[in-house]
């Protein structure tokens, strides 16, 4: 399922995996809040080219965290 949203923030720090957050335009079943994304999931654009406020299209998947919780995570970004 493709969803649209707006880039809320981006974090590019030395020694850390570049990532960011997207605020979805519509409700995502089973999820509240922003969607986390990592730079290696971007298609057709580099994280350095994104800015807060950019409109994006993406799809999500569930991420089973080590602590047993399940979180929604950006699966891919389509520019």
C-alpha atoms as a PDB file:
ATOM      1  CA  UNK A   1       0.000   0.000   0.000  1.00  0.00           C
ATOM      2  CA  UNK A   2       1.465   3.347  -1.041  1.00  0.00           C
ATOM      3  CA  UNK A   3       1.029   6.239   1.366  1.00  0.00           C
ATOM      4  CA  UNK A   4       1.877   9.919   1.077  1.00  0.00           C
ATOM      5  CA  UNK A   5       3.334  12.043   3.818  1.00  0.00           C
ATOM      6  CA  UNK A   6       5.652  14.896   4.719  1.00  0.00           C
ATOM      7  CA  UNK A   7       9.262  14.712   5.899  1.00  0.00           C
ATOM      8  CA  UNK A   8       9.183  15.758   9.566  1.00  0.00           C
ATOM      9  CA  UNK A   9      12.897  15.526  10.274  1.00  0.00           C
ATOM     10  CA  UNK A  10      16.209  14.078   9.109  1.00  0.00           C
ATOM     11  CA  UNK A  11      19.218  13.031  11.166  1.00  0.00           C
ATOM     12  CA  UNK A  12      22.646  12.702   9.550  1.00  0.00           C
ATOM     13  CA  UNK A  13      25.311  12.317  12.239  1.00  0.00           C
ATOM     14  CA  UNK A  14      28.871  11.026  12.066  1.00  0.00           C
ATOM     15  CA  UNK A  15      29.032   7.378  13.165  1.00  0.00           C
ATOM     16  CA  UNK A  16      25.237   6.907  13.069  1.00  0.00           C
ATOM     17  CA  UNK A  17      22.975   5.448  10.384  1.00  0.00           C
ATOM     18  CA  UNK A  18      21.272   8.341   8.546  1.00  0.00           C
ATOM     19  CA  UNK A  19      17.531   8.294   9.198  1.00  0.00           C
ATOM     20  CA  UNK A  20      14.452  10.446   9.360  1.00  0.00           C
ATOM     21  CA  UNK A  21      10.756  10.598  10.133  1.00  0.00           C
ATOM     22  CA  UNK A  22       7.706  11.037   7.914  1.00  0.00           C
ATOM     23  CA  UNK A  23       4.301  12.269   9.072  1.00  0.00           C
ATOM     24  CA  UNK A  24       1.724  10.267   7.070  1.00  0.00           C
ATOM     25  CA  UNK A  25      -1.185  12.106   5.421  1.00  0.00           C
ATOM     26  CA  UNK A  26      -3.588   9.283   6.314  1.00  0.00           C
ATOM     27  CA  UNK A  27      -4.045   6.905   9.226  1.00  0.00           C
ATOM     28  CA  UNK A  28      -1.973   3.726   9.039  1.00  0.00           C
ATOM     29  CA  UNK A  29      -3.801   0.792  10.645  1.00  0.00           C
ATOM     30  CA  UNK A  30      -2.061  -0.295  13.851  1.00  0.00           C
ATOM     31  CA  UNK A  31       0.256   2.724  13.984  1.00  0.00           C
ATOM     32  CA  UNK A  32       0.224   6.145  15.604  1.00  0.00           C
ATOM     33  CA  UNK A  33       2.662   8.937  14.961  1.00  0.00           C
ATOM     34  CA  UNK A  34       5.552   9.299  12.535  1.00  0.00           C
ATOM     35  CA  UNK A  35       7.167   6.633  10.363  1.00  0.00           C
ATOM     36  CA  UNK A  36      10.898   5.998  10.771  1.00  0.00           C
ATOM     37  CA  UNK A  37      13.026   5.577   7.653  1.00  0.00           C
ATOM     38  CA  UNK A  38      16.678   4.757   6.983  1.00  0.00           C
ATOM     39  CA  UNK A  39      18.797   6.163   4.144  1.00  0.00           C
ATOM     40  CA  UNK A  40      19.442   2.727   2.606  1.00  0.00           C
ATOM     41  CA  UNK A  41      15.712   2.298   1.839  1.00  0.00           C
ATOM     42  CA  UNK A  42      15.486   5.375  -0.386  1.00  0.00           C
ATOM     43  CA  UNK A  43      14.981   4.796  -4.112  1.00  0.00           C
ATOM     44  CA  UNK A  44      15.878   7.438  -6.667  1.00  0.00           C
ATOM     45  CA  UNK A  45      17.139  10.019  -4.165  1.00  0.00           C
ATOM     46  CA  UNK A  46      19.795  10.392  -1.458  1.00  0.00           C
ATOM     47  CA  UNK A  47      18.898  11.373   2.098  1.00  0.00           C
ATOM     48  CA  UNK A  48      21.070  14.473   1.703  1.00  0.00           C
ATOM     49  CA  UNK A  49      18.676  15.691  -1.016  1.00  0.00           C
ATOM     50  CA  UNK A  50      15.614  15.541   1.253  1.00  0.00           C
ATOM     51  CA  UNK A  51      14.405  18.462   3.333  1.00  0.00           C
ATOM     52  CA  UNK A  52      11.889  18.909   6.091  1.00  0.00           C
ATOM     53  CA  UNK A  53       8.490  19.556   4.512  1.00  0.00           C
ATOM     54  CA  UNK A  54       9.090  17.515   1.317  1.00  0.00           C
ATOM     55  CA  UNK A  55       6.048  15.546   0.186  1.00  0.00           C
ATOM     56  CA  UNK A  56       6.913  11.864  -0.331  1.00  0.00           C
ATOM     57  CA  UNK A  57       5.258   8.589  -1.296  1.00  0.00           C
ATOM     58  CA  UNK A  58       6.200   5.391   0.540  1.00  0.00           C
ATOM     59  CA  UNK A  59       5.120   1.941   1.669  1.00  0.00           C
ATOM     60  CA  UNK A  60       5.495   0.422   5.146  1.00  0.00           C
ATOM     61  CA  UNK A  61       6.230  -2.916   6.789  1.00  0.00           C
ATOM     62  CA  UNK A  62       6.286  -4.157  10.368  1.00  0.00           C
ATOM     63  CA  UNK A  63       9.575  -4.304  12.258  1.00  0.00           C
ATOM     64  CA  UNK A  64       9.850  -6.796  15.127  1.00  0.00           C
ATOM     65  CA  UNK A  65      12.158  -5.124  17.628  1.00  0.00           C
ATOM     66  CA  UNK A  66      14.476  -7.028  19.972  1.00  0.00           C
ATOM     67  CA  UNK A  67      12.351  -6.007  22.971  1.00  0.00           C
ATOM     68  CA  UNK A  68       9.346  -7.834  21.456  1.00  0.00           C
ATOM     69  CA  UNK A  69       7.440  -4.766  20.317  1.00  0.00           C
ATOM     70  CA  UNK A  70       6.300  -4.293  16.738  1.00  0.00           C
ATOM     71  CA  UNK A  71       6.818  -0.975  14.968  1.00  0.00           C
ATOM     72  CA  UNK A  72       5.870   0.281  11.519  1.00  0.00           C
ATOM     73  CA  UNK A  73       8.890   1.146   9.389  1.00  0.00           C
ATOM     74  CA  UNK A  74       9.212   2.684   5.956  1.00  0.00           C
ATOM     75  CA  UNK A  75       9.794  -0.115   3.462  1.00  0.00           C
ATOM     76  CA  UNK A  76      10.695   2.044   0.511  1.00  0.00           C
ATOM     77  CA  UNK A  77      10.499   5.621  -0.587  1.00  0.00           C
ATOM     78  CA  UNK A  78       9.359   6.322  -4.119  1.00  0.00           C
ATOM     79  CA  UNK A  79      10.395   9.699  -5.501  1.00  0.00           C
END
